């Protein structure tokens, strides 16, 4: 009997190398699939993303504010934007959701008028999304 066999009889057999390989292959496969899944989610969300940039606002009167902004939706995609008017305590005093038709233009400059229930101090774009 060799030393290796004597040690195996005394202490038991060591784990088979195949089991270790299967474990590490499984871990690597799960990690790779996780990376692919997260990448796909990130890219698919970015494709339909509608970016916007506020360019200004104008207080027309005590109950009206005009908001100017630029939007960059995906080409030929309909989208909507939520525009709001805020008072001096940052409470919402006016709100409007506007839907826009699809266009070949990449960047569009828009101006929207919001009627309010109280004196506004500012007008902002809350969000934009593809419809």
C-alpha atoms as a PDB file:
ATOM      1  CA  UNK A   1       0.000   0.000   0.000  1.00  0.00           C
ATOM      2  CA  UNK A   2       1.363   3.422  -0.934  1.00  0.00           C
ATOM      3  CA  UNK A   3       1.454   6.449   1.304  1.00  0.00           C
ATOM      4  CA  UNK A   4      -1.338   8.074  -0.670  1.00  0.00           C
ATOM      5  CA  UNK A   5      -3.588   5.051  -0.184  1.00  0.00           C
ATOM      6  CA  UNK A   6      -2.740   4.871   3.536  1.00  0.00           C
ATOM      7  CA  UNK A   7      -3.656   8.530   3.999  1.00  0.00           C
ATOM      8  CA  UNK A   8      -6.865   8.033   2.055  1.00  0.00           C
ATOM      9  CA  UNK A   9      -7.788   5.051   4.277  1.00  0.00           C
ATOM     10  CA  UNK A  10      -6.992   6.973   7.460  1.00  0.00           C
ATOM     11  CA  UNK A  11      -8.555  10.371   6.668  1.00  0.00           C
ATOM     12  CA  UNK A  12     -10.945   9.644   3.856  1.00  0.00           C
ATOM     13  CA  UNK A  13     -10.756  10.556   0.231  1.00  0.00           C
ATOM     14  CA  UNK A  14     -10.201  14.083  -0.967  1.00  0.00           C
ATOM     15  CA  UNK A  15     -12.977  15.740  -2.991  1.00  0.00           C
ATOM     16  CA  UNK A  16     -12.917  14.756  -6.578  1.00  0.00           C
ATOM     17  CA  UNK A  17     -11.480  17.422  -8.885  1.00  0.00           C
ATOM     18  CA  UNK A  18     -14.560  17.150 -11.121  1.00  0.00           C
ATOM     19  CA  UNK A  19     -16.805  18.474  -8.334  1.00  0.00           C
ATOM     20  CA  UNK A  20     -14.566  21.501  -7.878  1.00  0.00           C
ATOM     21  CA  UNK A  21     -14.566  22.181 -11.603  1.00  0.00           C
ATOM     22  CA  UNK A  22     -18.353  21.901 -11.817  1.00  0.00           C
ATOM     23  CA  UNK A  23     -18.725  24.350  -8.903  1.00  0.00           C
ATOM     24  CA  UNK A  24     -16.436  26.972 -10.474  1.00  0.00           C
ATOM     25  CA  UNK A  25     -17.978  26.522 -13.916  1.00  0.00           C
ATOM     26  CA  UNK A  26     -21.420  27.084 -12.372  1.00  0.00           C
ATOM     27  CA  UNK A  27     -20.219  30.210 -10.533  1.00  0.00           C
ATOM     28  CA  UNK A  28     -18.646  31.595 -13.723  1.00  0.00           C
ATOM     29  CA  UNK A  29     -21.807  30.870 -15.746  1.00  0.00           C
ATOM     30  CA  UNK A  30     -24.069  32.595 -13.205  1.00  0.00           C
ATOM     31  CA  UNK A  31     -21.723  35.611 -13.088  1.00  0.00           C
ATOM     32  CA  UNK A  32     -21.593  35.867 -16.888  1.00  0.00           C
ATOM     33  CA  UNK A  33     -25.390  35.612 -17.206  1.00  0.00           C
ATOM     34  CA  UNK A  34     -25.815  38.283 -14.517  1.00  0.00           C
ATOM     35  CA  UNK A  35     -23.493  40.656 -16.368  1.00  0.00           C
ATOM     36  CA  UNK A  36     -25.299  40.044 -19.663  1.00  0.00           C
ATOM     37  CA  UNK A  37     -28.707  40.584 -18.021  1.00  0.00           C
ATOM     38  CA  UNK A  38     -27.695  43.835 -16.339  1.00  0.00           C
ATOM     39  CA  UNK A  39     -26.110  45.093 -19.551  1.00  0.00           C
ATOM     40  CA  UNK A  40     -29.276  44.329 -21.509  1.00  0.00           C
ATOM     41  CA  UNK A  41     -31.448  46.162 -18.958  1.00  0.00           C
ATOM     42  CA  UNK A  42     -29.174  49.199 -19.014  1.00  0.00           C
ATOM     43  CA  UNK A  43     -29.062  49.401 -22.805  1.00  0.00           C
ATOM     44  CA  UNK A  44     -32.789  48.791 -23.297  1.00  0.00           C
ATOM     45  CA  UNK A  45     -33.647  51.544 -20.805  1.00  0.00           C
ATOM     46  CA  UNK A  46     -31.226  53.984 -22.446  1.00  0.00           C
ATOM     47  CA  UNK A  47     -32.665  53.398 -25.927  1.00  0.00           C
ATOM     48  CA  UNK A  48     -36.122  54.686 -24.927  1.00  0.00           C
ATOM     49  CA  UNK A  49     -34.802  57.459 -22.679  1.00  0.00           C
ATOM     50  CA  UNK A  50     -36.220  60.936 -23.285  1.00  0.00           C
ATOM     51  CA  UNK A  51     -33.760  63.563 -22.097  1.00  0.00           C
ATOM     52  CA  UNK A  52     -34.759  67.121 -21.279  1.00  0.00           C
ATOM     53  CA  UNK A  53     -33.042  70.347 -20.312  1.00  0.00           C
ATOM     54  CA  UNK A  54     -34.866  73.321 -18.837  1.00  0.00           C
ATOM     55  CA  UNK A  55     -33.883  76.555 -20.557  1.00  0.00           C
ATOM     56  CA  UNK A  56     -35.986  78.995 -18.548  1.00  0.00           C
ATOM     57  CA  UNK A  57     -39.328  80.155 -17.269  1.00  0.00           C
ATOM     58  CA  UNK A  58     -41.360  83.347 -17.381  1.00  0.00           C
ATOM     59  CA  UNK A  59     -43.992  84.472 -14.887  1.00  0.00           C
ATOM     60  CA  UNK A  60     -46.731  85.750 -17.194  1.00  0.00           C
ATOM     61  CA  UNK A  61     -49.132  86.906 -14.469  1.00  0.00           C
ATOM     62  CA  UNK A  62     -50.309  85.918 -10.976  1.00  0.00           C
ATOM     63  CA  UNK A  63     -51.829  82.651 -12.253  1.00  0.00           C
ATOM     64  CA  UNK A  64     -49.674  81.684 -15.241  1.00  0.00           C
ATOM     65  CA  UNK A  65     -46.093  80.589 -15.865  1.00  0.00           C
ATOM     66  CA  UNK A  66     -44.436  79.794 -19.198  1.00  0.00           C
ATOM     67  CA  UNK A  67     -41.741  77.068 -19.150  1.00  0.00           C
ATOM     68  CA  UNK A  68     -39.096  76.720 -21.893  1.00  0.00           C
ATOM     69  CA  UNK A  69     -37.171  73.485 -22.350  1.00  0.00           C
ATOM     70  CA  UNK A  70     -35.381  71.280 -24.869  1.00  0.00           C
ATOM     71  CA  UNK A  71     -36.223  67.619 -25.337  1.00  0.00           C
ATOM     72  CA  UNK A  72     -34.173  64.869 -27.006  1.00  0.00           C
ATOM     73  CA  UNK A  73     -36.446  61.868 -27.598  1.00  0.00           C
ATOM     74  CA  UNK A  74     -35.537  58.904 -29.788  1.00  0.00           C
ATOM     75  CA  UNK A  75     -36.322  59.672 -33.448  1.00  0.00           C
ATOM     76  CA  UNK A  76     -39.878  58.947 -34.596  1.00  0.00           C
ATOM     77  CA  UNK A  77     -41.081  58.354 -31.028  1.00  0.00           C
ATOM     78  CA  UNK A  78     -44.121  59.917 -29.388  1.00  0.00           C
ATOM     79  CA  UNK A  79     -43.447  61.179 -25.888  1.00  0.00           C
ATOM     80  CA  UNK A  80     -45.006  63.103 -23.024  1.00  0.00           C
ATOM     81  CA  UNK A  81     -43.666  65.576 -20.475  1.00  0.00           C
ATOM     82  CA  UNK A  82     -44.974  66.567 -17.052  1.00  0.00           C
ATOM     83  CA  UNK A  83     -44.526  70.312 -16.530  1.00  0.00           C
ATOM     84  CA  UNK A  84     -45.210  71.890 -13.145  1.00  0.00           C
ATOM     85  CA  UNK A  85     -45.401  75.299 -11.496  1.00  0.00           C
ATOM     86  CA  UNK A  86     -44.128  75.742  -7.941  1.00  0.00           C
ATOM     87  CA  UNK A  87     -44.816  78.381  -5.290  1.00  0.00           C
ATOM     88  CA  UNK A  88     -42.289  79.952  -2.914  1.00  0.00           C
ATOM     89  CA  UNK A  89     -42.518  76.940  -0.561  1.00  0.00           C
ATOM     90  CA  UNK A  90     -41.866  74.573  -3.504  1.00  0.00           C
ATOM     91  CA  UNK A  91     -45.451  73.351  -3.393  1.00  0.00           C
ATOM     92  CA  UNK A  92     -47.050  72.376  -6.691  1.00  0.00           C
ATOM     93  CA  UNK A  93     -49.587  75.027  -7.718  1.00  0.00           C
ATOM     94  CA  UNK A  94     -49.946  73.947 -11.352  1.00  0.00           C
ATOM     95  CA  UNK A  95     -49.392  70.717 -13.230  1.00  0.00           C
ATOM     96  CA  UNK A  96     -49.831  69.609 -16.806  1.00  0.00           C
ATOM     97  CA  UNK A  97     -48.955  66.496 -18.813  1.00  0.00           C
ATOM     98  CA  UNK A  98     -48.443  67.259 -22.495  1.00  0.00           C
ATOM     99  CA  UNK A  99     -48.186  64.605 -25.211  1.00  0.00           C
ATOM    100  CA  UNK A 100     -46.094  65.319 -28.305  1.00  0.00           C
ATOM    101  CA  UNK A 101     -46.225  63.625 -31.724  1.00  0.00           C
ATOM    102  CA  UNK A 102     -43.301  61.760 -33.233  1.00  0.00           C
ATOM    103  CA  UNK A 103     -40.781  63.782 -35.200  1.00  0.00           C
ATOM    104  CA  UNK A 104     -37.558  63.205 -37.123  1.00  0.00           C
ATOM    105  CA  UNK A 105     -35.890  66.042 -35.203  1.00  0.00           C
ATOM    106  CA  UNK A 106     -33.361  64.923 -32.620  1.00  0.00           C
ATOM    107  CA  UNK A 107     -33.643  67.959 -30.338  1.00  0.00           C
ATOM    108  CA  UNK A 108     -36.822  69.983 -30.012  1.00  0.00           C
ATOM    109  CA  UNK A 109     -37.236  73.344 -28.265  1.00  0.00           C
ATOM    110  CA  UNK A 110     -40.614  73.615 -26.557  1.00  0.00           C
ATOM    111  CA  UNK A 111     -42.495  76.276 -24.604  1.00  0.00           C
ATOM    112  CA  UNK A 112     -45.534  75.389 -22.494  1.00  0.00           C
ATOM    113  CA  UNK A 113     -47.892  77.610 -20.512  1.00  0.00           C
ATOM    114  CA  UNK A 114     -49.158  76.355 -17.154  1.00  0.00           C
ATOM    115  CA  UNK A 115     -52.182  77.840 -15.374  1.00  0.00           C
ATOM    116  CA  UNK A 116     -51.924  77.802 -11.586  1.00  0.00           C
ATOM    117  CA  UNK A 117     -54.203  77.945  -8.545  1.00  0.00           C
ATOM    118  CA  UNK A 118     -51.891  80.346  -6.662  1.00  0.00           C
ATOM    119  CA  UNK A 119     -48.979  82.729  -7.333  1.00  0.00           C
ATOM    120  CA  UNK A 120     -46.165  80.700  -8.958  1.00  0.00           C
ATOM    121  CA  UNK A 121     -42.503  81.492  -8.396  1.00  0.00           C
ATOM    122  CA  UNK A 122     -40.993  79.022 -10.852  1.00  0.00           C
ATOM    123  CA  UNK A 123     -41.834  76.527 -13.574  1.00  0.00           C
ATOM    124  CA  UNK A 124     -40.022  73.241 -14.155  1.00  0.00           C
ATOM    125  CA  UNK A 125     -40.175  70.041 -16.162  1.00  0.00           C
ATOM    126  CA  UNK A 126     -40.752  67.184 -13.741  1.00  0.00           C
ATOM    127  CA  UNK A 127     -40.062  64.357 -16.227  1.00  0.00           C
ATOM    128  CA  UNK A 128     -40.410  63.182 -19.837  1.00  0.00           C
ATOM    129  CA  UNK A 129     -41.022  59.657 -21.122  1.00  0.00           C
ATOM    130  CA  UNK A 130     -41.695  57.733 -24.316  1.00  0.00           C
ATOM    131  CA  UNK A 131     -45.338  56.807 -24.898  1.00  0.00           C
END
